[in-house]
Amino acid sequence: MPTKAKTNSNHSKTSASKKKSDAPLDSSVLVDDVRHLAEDASHLAHQRIVEPVSDLTREVADQVKQNAQRGQDRLQHEYEVLGEKVKSNPIPSLAAAFGCGIVIGALLLRR
């Protein structure tokens, strides 16, 4: 007897699936379902990918701006320190500049 029960349950499953597949497909429902799936996928991609990447890009840009500002401030400070040293020691500064010119000229003439 157990085999008949299995056969009856299998028969009822196949007849139910035939009923579903025999039903006409409503294309407008399918189109709406696909449209909703596409919107959901787009929203999820924006939420999971675009927003985090945008946040990370903003953070990196802020760090780059801060580092550039610090570099510019330090360069300005060193320029001012160098200017003060040149003003306080004009003869040694002139001699150093002259020596650098001689070395650079010699290097250029060797080529």
Protein backbone atom coordinates (compact mmCIF):
# COMPACT_ATOMS: atom_id res chain seq x y z
CA MET A 1 0.00 0.00 0.00
CA PRO A 2 2.72 2.55 0.64
CA THR A 3 3.56 2.59 -3.05
CA LYS A 4 0.04 3.74 -3.96
CA ALA A 5 0.32 6.64 -1.51
CA LYS A 6 3.55 7.73 -3.17
CA THR A 7 1.99 7.44 -6.58
CA ASN A 8 -1.03 9.48 -5.55
CA SER A 9 1.11 12.21 -4.00
CA ASN A 10 3.34 12.31 -7.11
CA HIS A 11 0.26 12.46 -9.32
CA SER A 12 -1.21 15.34 -7.36
CA LYS A 13 2.11 17.24 -7.59
CA THR A 14 2.34 16.83 -11.35
CA SER A 15 -1.28 17.79 -11.87
CA ALA A 16 -0.73 20.91 -9.74
CA SER A 17 2.35 21.86 -11.74
CA LYS A 18 0.46 21.27 -14.97
CA LYS A 19 -2.27 23.60 -13.75
CA LYS A 20 0.31 26.32 -13.04
CA SER A 21 2.02 25.90 -16.39
CA ASP A 22 -1.31 25.70 -18.22
CA ALA A 23 -2.30 29.15 -16.88
CA PRO A 24 -1.71 31.92 -19.42
CA LEU A 25 1.17 34.25 -18.53
CA ASP A 26 0.22 37.85 -18.01
CA SER A 27 3.01 39.83 -19.66
CA SER A 28 2.16 43.05 -17.84
CA VAL A 29 2.65 41.30 -14.49
CA LEU A 30 5.99 39.94 -15.66
CA VAL A 31 7.06 43.35 -16.91
CA ASP A 32 6.10 44.94 -13.60
CA ASP A 33 7.96 42.24 -11.67
CA VAL A 34 11.09 42.73 -13.78
CA ARG A 35 10.83 46.50 -13.38
CA HIS A 36 10.55 46.16 -9.58
CA LEU A 37 13.48 43.75 -9.49
CA ALA A 38 15.60 46.16 -11.53
CA GLU A 39 14.68 49.06 -9.24
CA ASP A 40 15.48 46.98 -6.16
CA ALA A 41 18.83 45.90 -7.65
CA SER A 42 19.67 49.48 -8.56
CA HIS A 43 18.78 50.73 -5.08
CA LEU A 44 20.78 47.93 -3.44
CA ALA A 45 23.82 48.57 -5.65
CA HIS A 46 23.64 52.28 -4.86
CA GLN A 47 23.34 51.57 -1.16
CA ARG A 48 26.07 48.91 -1.00
CA ILE A 49 28.57 50.21 -3.57
CA VAL A 50 28.09 53.83 -4.64
CA GLU A 51 27.51 55.39 -1.21
CA PRO A 52 30.49 53.68 0.52
CA VAL A 53 32.81 54.49 -2.40
CA SER A 54 31.63 58.11 -2.38
CA ASP A 55 32.25 58.35 1.37
CA LEU A 56 35.71 56.82 1.00
CA THR A 57 36.54 59.16 -1.88
CA ARG A 58 35.50 62.16 0.20
CA GLU A 59 37.67 61.00 3.11
CA VAL A 60 40.70 60.48 0.86
CA ALA A 61 40.20 63.89 -0.78
CA ASP A 62 40.02 65.54 2.65
CA GLN A 63 43.24 63.80 3.74
CA VAL A 64 45.01 64.85 0.54
CA LYS A 65 43.91 68.47 1.07
CA GLN A 66 45.12 68.42 4.67
CA ASN A 67 48.48 66.93 3.67
CA ALA A 68 48.89 69.44 0.85
CA GLN A 69 48.11 72.31 3.22
CA ARG A 70 50.62 71.02 5.79
CA GLY A 71 53.26 70.65 3.05
CA GLN A 72 52.58 74.16 1.77
CA ASP A 73 52.78 75.60 5.31
CA ARG A 74 56.08 73.81 5.98
CA LEU A 75 57.54 74.94 2.66
CA GLN A 76 56.52 78.53 3.40
CA HIS A 77 58.12 78.31 6.85
CA GLU A 78 61.40 76.88 5.48
CA TYR A 79 61.47 79.57 2.78
CA GLU A 80 61.13 82.26 5.45
CA VAL A 81 63.86 80.65 7.60
CA LEU A 82 66.19 80.49 4.59
CA GLY A 83 65.47 84.15 3.77
CA GLU A 84 66.35 85.16 7.35
CA LYS A 85 69.61 83.19 7.21
CA VAL A 86 70.57 84.82 3.91
CA LYS A 87 69.83 88.28 5.34
CA SER A 88 71.80 87.61 8.49
CA ASN A 89 74.79 86.08 6.59
CA PRO A 90 74.94 87.70 3.15
CA ILE A 91 78.62 86.98 2.33
CA PRO A 92 78.56 83.22 3.15
CA SER A 93 75.24 82.94 1.29
CA LEU A 94 76.72 84.61 -1.77
CA ALA A 95 79.78 82.35 -1.60
CA ALA A 96 77.54 79.24 -1.32
CA ALA A 97 75.47 80.36 -4.31
CA PHE A 98 78.64 81.03 -6.31
CA GLY A 99 80.04 77.58 -5.40
CA CYS A 100 76.78 75.88 -6.41
CA GLY A 101 76.90 77.71 -9.73
CA ILE A 102 80.47 76.54 -10.38
CA VAL A 103 79.57 72.89 -9.58
CA ILE A 104 76.42 72.93 -11.73
CA GLY A 105 78.30 74.59 -14.61
CA ALA A 106 81.07 71.99 -14.43
CA LEU A 107 78.54 69.17 -14.45
CA LEU A 108 76.77 70.62 -17.49
CA LEU A 109 80.03 71.12 -19.42
CA ARG A 110 81.06 67.48 -18.85
CA ARG A 111 78.26 66.25 -21.04
